[in-house]
């Protein structure tokens, strides 16, 4: 397995198929304190992977952050590779879980839409503490404002968190690539609209759910635009 990746100051990729476990999405940890070098309370974890959460914890330690300070858990959507370890992290670190209202039933009760059957692993439901509603909700954590943008289409309640860190806009776009399947409640036209919403953010860095990190406005624009073109056909 590869080492965790520092994206910019205070933001690290600590999970993924080559970083934590083959079935994992890319998982990110953020220290929301920008002004105080040694302060790392209220750590934010974006998505939790599928299995082997201990590997993600070890990767967090390798970044110099203390996993005991994990407080906020953001679930971009209900698929097992993004939410499979959510209950484990919540129980171990008493984390507050954020997810959109349109994913609530699946995350809290399970069912086919988690996609757990594709991975051959059981899903442990988890309670959402902060139910996100509407197209955009903003939550202040530490020194940063986390913007929760609703991007339906891949699933009904997908979200793309984004934030501005000292002049750099970083967007966590979940599964920009899809896939779009009836089982997931996918809708092609809705997803194209969501991709266009993300494009308008003019992000400097895009952290995708599976296919890497794209740095620079041009790379981000080209990546999102390629899927707008693909799903518009």
Protein backbone atom coordinates (compact mmCIF):
# COMPACT_ATOMS: atom_id res chain seq x y z
CA UNK A 1 0.00 0.00 0.00
CA UNK A 2 1.15 3.53 -0.77
CA UNK A 3 1.57 6.27 1.81
CA UNK A 4 -1.09 8.91 2.51
CA UNK A 5 -0.86 11.97 0.28
CA UNK A 6 -0.68 15.60 1.37
CA UNK A 7 -2.79 17.64 -1.04
CA UNK A 8 -2.27 21.07 0.50
CA UNK A 9 -1.53 22.20 4.04
CA UNK A 10 -4.09 20.67 6.42
CA UNK A 11 -5.63 18.34 3.79
CA UNK A 12 -4.55 14.73 3.24
CA UNK A 13 -5.80 11.72 1.28
CA UNK A 14 -5.76 8.84 3.80
CA UNK A 15 -7.88 6.23 2.04
CA UNK A 16 -8.26 4.70 -1.40
CA UNK A 17 -7.75 1.50 -3.33
CA UNK A 18 -3.95 1.81 -3.22
CA UNK A 19 -3.72 3.58 0.15
CA UNK A 20 -5.99 1.70 2.56
CA UNK A 21 -7.95 -1.19 1.02
CA UNK A 22 -8.78 -2.31 -2.56
CA UNK A 23 -12.52 -1.59 -2.24
CA UNK A 24 -12.18 1.84 -0.67
CA UNK A 25 -13.11 5.14 -2.21
CA UNK A 26 -10.67 7.99 -1.69
CA UNK A 27 -11.02 9.32 1.85
CA UNK A 28 -9.76 12.69 3.02
CA UNK A 29 -8.91 14.17 6.41
CA UNK A 30 -8.87 17.91 7.08
CA UNK A 31 -7.51 19.89 10.00
CA UNK A 32 -9.84 22.92 10.10
CA UNK A 33 -7.45 25.10 12.10
CA UNK A 34 -5.37 27.19 9.74
CA UNK A 35 -3.99 29.88 12.02
CA UNK A 36 -2.67 27.83 14.95
CA UNK A 37 0.03 25.45 13.78
CA UNK A 38 -0.28 22.87 16.54
CA UNK A 39 -4.05 22.93 17.01
CA UNK A 40 -5.85 19.95 15.48
CA UNK A 41 -9.18 19.60 17.25
CA UNK A 42 -12.33 18.90 15.25
CA UNK A 43 -10.67 16.87 12.49
CA UNK A 44 -12.95 16.27 9.50
CA UNK A 45 -13.09 12.93 7.65
CA UNK A 46 -14.69 12.92 4.20
CA UNK A 47 -15.99 9.41 3.45
CA UNK A 48 -14.88 6.32 5.34
CA UNK A 49 -14.08 3.50 2.92
CA UNK A 50 -15.48 -0.03 2.88
CA UNK A 51 -13.43 -2.26 5.18
CA UNK A 52 -10.29 -2.19 7.32
CA UNK A 53 -10.86 1.20 8.99
CA UNK A 54 -7.74 0.60 11.08
CA UNK A 55 -5.62 1.22 7.97
CA UNK A 56 -7.22 4.62 7.51
CA UNK A 57 -6.50 5.39 11.17
CA UNK A 58 -2.85 4.41 10.69
CA UNK A 59 -2.66 6.65 7.64
CA UNK A 60 -4.04 9.56 9.64
CA UNK A 61 -1.30 8.99 12.20
CA UNK A 62 1.31 9.03 9.44
CA UNK A 63 0.23 12.55 8.46
CA UNK A 64 1.07 13.78 11.96
CA UNK A 65 -2.58 14.21 12.90
CA UNK A 66 -4.09 12.49 15.92
CA UNK A 67 -7.14 10.32 15.07
CA UNK A 68 -8.40 10.86 18.62
CA UNK A 69 -9.32 14.35 17.39
CA UNK A 70 -11.68 13.05 14.69
CA UNK A 71 -14.99 14.82 15.31
CA UNK A 72 -16.81 15.34 11.99
CA UNK A 73 -17.63 12.67 9.43
CA UNK A 74 -18.98 13.75 6.04
CA UNK A 75 -20.65 11.11 3.88
CA UNK A 76 -20.86 12.19 0.24
CA UNK A 77 -23.41 9.49 -0.63
CA UNK A 78 -24.80 6.15 0.51
CA UNK A 79 -22.62 3.65 -1.39
CA UNK A 80 -20.77 1.07 0.66
CA UNK A 81 -17.31 2.15 -0.52
CA UNK A 82 -18.01 5.61 0.92
CA UNK A 83 -20.03 4.74 4.04
CA UNK A 84 -19.03 1.17 4.93
CA UNK A 85 -16.79 2.14 7.85
CA UNK A 86 -19.01 4.97 9.03
CA UNK A 87 -20.56 3.13 11.99
CA UNK A 88 -17.11 1.96 13.15
CA UNK A 89 -15.69 5.49 13.13
CA UNK A 90 -18.75 6.92 14.85
CA UNK A 91 -18.58 4.38 17.67
CA UNK A 92 -14.82 4.62 18.16
CA UNK A 93 -14.47 8.41 18.05
CA UNK A 94 -18.00 9.62 18.82
CA UNK A 95 -18.04 11.49 15.51
CA UNK A 96 -20.87 13.66 14.21
CA UNK A 97 -22.14 12.27 10.89
CA UNK A 98 -23.26 14.60 8.08
CA UNK A 99 -25.27 13.42 5.05
CA UNK A 100 -28.08 14.68 2.85
CA UNK A 101 -31.72 14.05 3.71
CA UNK A 102 -32.24 12.09 0.47
CA UNK A 103 -29.63 9.53 1.60
CA UNK A 104 -30.93 9.31 5.17
CA UNK A 105 -33.15 6.25 4.80
CA UNK A 106 -30.46 4.17 3.10
CA UNK A 107 -27.62 5.21 5.42
CA UNK A 108 -29.67 4.64 8.56
CA UNK A 109 -31.43 1.44 7.45
CA UNK A 110 -29.36 -0.15 4.68
CA UNK A 111 -30.79 -1.84 1.61
CA UNK A 112 -29.82 -2.62 -2.00
CA UNK A 113 -28.97 1.00 -2.81
CA UNK A 114 -25.84 0.80 -0.63
CA UNK A 115 -24.35 -1.50 -3.28
CA UNK A 116 -22.99 -3.75 -0.52
CA UNK A 117 -23.90 -6.85 -2.53
CA UNK A 118 -21.47 -5.77 -5.28
CA UNK A 119 -18.64 -5.84 -2.73
CA UNK A 120 -19.79 -8.95 -0.88
CA UNK A 121 -19.59 -7.24 2.51
CA UNK A 122 -22.27 -6.52 5.11
CA UNK A 123 -23.41 -2.96 5.74
CA UNK A 124 -23.78 -1.63 9.30
CA UNK A 125 -26.29 1.23 9.39
CA UNK A 126 -25.35 4.48 11.11
CA UNK A 127 -27.40 7.38 12.44
CA UNK A 128 -26.97 10.76 10.76
CA UNK A 129 -26.51 13.53 13.33
CA UNK A 130 -26.67 16.49 10.94
CA UNK A 131 -29.17 16.00 8.13
CA UNK A 132 -28.30 18.34 5.27
CA UNK A 133 -31.21 19.88 3.40
CA UNK A 134 -31.71 21.85 0.23
CA UNK A 135 -29.22 22.76 -2.48
CA UNK A 136 -26.55 24.35 -0.28
CA UNK A 137 -25.86 24.37 3.44
CA UNK A 138 -22.85 25.98 5.12
CA UNK A 139 -21.36 24.77 8.41
CA UNK A 140 -18.50 26.50 10.20
CA UNK A 141 -15.89 24.16 11.68
CA UNK A 142 -12.73 25.57 13.22
CA UNK A 143 -11.38 28.29 10.93
CA UNK A 144 -13.21 27.15 7.80
CA UNK A 145 -16.68 27.21 6.29
CA UNK A 146 -17.68 23.87 4.79
CA UNK A 147 -20.12 24.31 1.90
CA UNK A 148 -22.32 21.28 1.31
CA UNK A 149 -23.50 21.40 -2.31
CA UNK A 150 -26.29 18.99 -3.24
CA UNK A 151 -25.34 17.20 -6.47
CA UNK A 152 -28.05 14.62 -7.25
CA UNK A 153 -27.83 12.34 -10.24
CA UNK A 154 -25.40 9.59 -9.27
CA UNK A 155 -27.61 9.09 -6.22
CA UNK A 156 -30.53 11.30 -5.10
CA UNK A 157 -28.69 12.76 -2.12
CA UNK A 158 -25.10 13.08 -3.28
CA UNK A 159 -23.15 16.05 -1.95
CA UNK A 160 -19.92 17.78 -3.00
CA UNK A 161 -18.35 19.57 -0.02
CA UNK A 162 -16.09 22.49 -0.88
CA UNK A 163 -14.16 25.10 1.06
CA UNK A 164 -11.76 27.99 0.61
CA UNK A 165 -8.44 27.51 2.40
CA UNK A 166 -6.26 30.63 2.33
CA UNK A 167 -7.32 31.54 -1.17
CA UNK A 168 -7.45 28.00 -2.55
CA UNK A 169 -10.85 26.50 -3.34
CA UNK A 170 -10.85 22.74 -2.85
CA UNK A 171 -13.79 20.64 -4.04
CA UNK A 172 -14.54 17.07 -2.96
CA UNK A 173 -16.63 15.91 -5.88
CA UNK A 174 -17.48 12.33 -4.83
CA UNK A 175 -18.11 10.13 -7.93
CA UNK A 176 -17.86 12.61 -10.80
CA UNK A 177 -17.51 9.67 -13.18
CA UNK A 178 -20.74 7.94 -12.13
CA UNK A 179 -21.74 5.23 -12.84
CA UNK A 180 -25.43 5.93 -13.41
CA UNK A 181 -27.59 2.90 -12.64
CA UNK A 182 -31.33 2.45 -11.91
CA UNK A 183 -30.47 0.63 -8.66
CA UNK A 184 -28.73 3.77 -7.40
CA UNK A 185 -31.66 6.03 -8.24
CA UNK A 186 -29.46 7.69 -10.87
CA UNK A 187 -30.75 10.28 -13.31
CA UNK A 188 -28.62 11.36 -16.27
CA UNK A 189 -30.12 14.82 -16.89
CA UNK A 190 -30.02 15.68 -13.21
CA UNK A 191 -26.42 14.57 -12.98
CA UNK A 192 -25.38 16.76 -15.89
CA UNK A 193 -26.97 19.73 -14.10
CA UNK A 194 -25.01 18.80 -10.95
CA UNK A 195 -21.75 18.59 -12.87
CA UNK A 196 -22.41 22.05 -14.31
CA UNK A 197 -22.99 23.38 -10.78
CA UNK A 198 -19.59 22.04 -9.75
CA UNK A 199 -17.97 23.52 -12.85
CA UNK A 200 -19.27 26.98 -11.92
CA UNK A 201 -17.43 26.80 -8.58
CA UNK A 202 -14.16 27.38 -10.46
CA UNK A 203 -12.26 25.21 -7.98
CA UNK A 204 -8.47 25.19 -7.80
CA UNK A 205 -8.28 21.56 -6.66
CA UNK A 206 -10.72 18.71 -7.23
CA UNK A 207 -10.56 15.61 -5.01
CA UNK A 208 -12.48 12.87 -6.82
CA UNK A 209 -14.03 9.83 -5.18
CA UNK A 210 -11.89 7.27 -7.00
CA UNK A 211 -9.79 8.71 -9.80
CA UNK A 212 -7.36 11.00 -8.09
CA UNK A 213 -6.70 14.65 -7.31
CA UNK A 214 -6.76 17.31 -10.04
CA UNK A 215 -4.80 20.50 -9.39
CA UNK A 216 -5.16 23.78 -11.27
CA UNK A 217 -8.31 25.40 -12.58
CA UNK A 218 -7.69 24.10 -16.11
CA UNK A 219 -7.32 20.48 -15.03
CA UNK A 220 -10.40 20.70 -12.82
CA UNK A 221 -12.44 22.27 -15.61
CA UNK A 222 -11.29 19.71 -18.18
CA UNK A 223 -12.04 16.78 -15.88
CA UNK A 224 -15.58 17.86 -15.02
CA UNK A 225 -16.29 18.98 -18.59
CA UNK A 226 -15.32 15.56 -19.94
CA UNK A 227 -18.14 13.96 -17.95
CA UNK A 228 -20.62 16.67 -18.85
CA UNK A 229 -19.90 15.80 -22.48
CA UNK A 230 -20.08 12.05 -21.84
CA UNK A 231 -23.40 12.12 -19.97
CA UNK A 232 -24.97 14.66 -22.34
CA UNK A 233 -24.81 12.30 -25.31
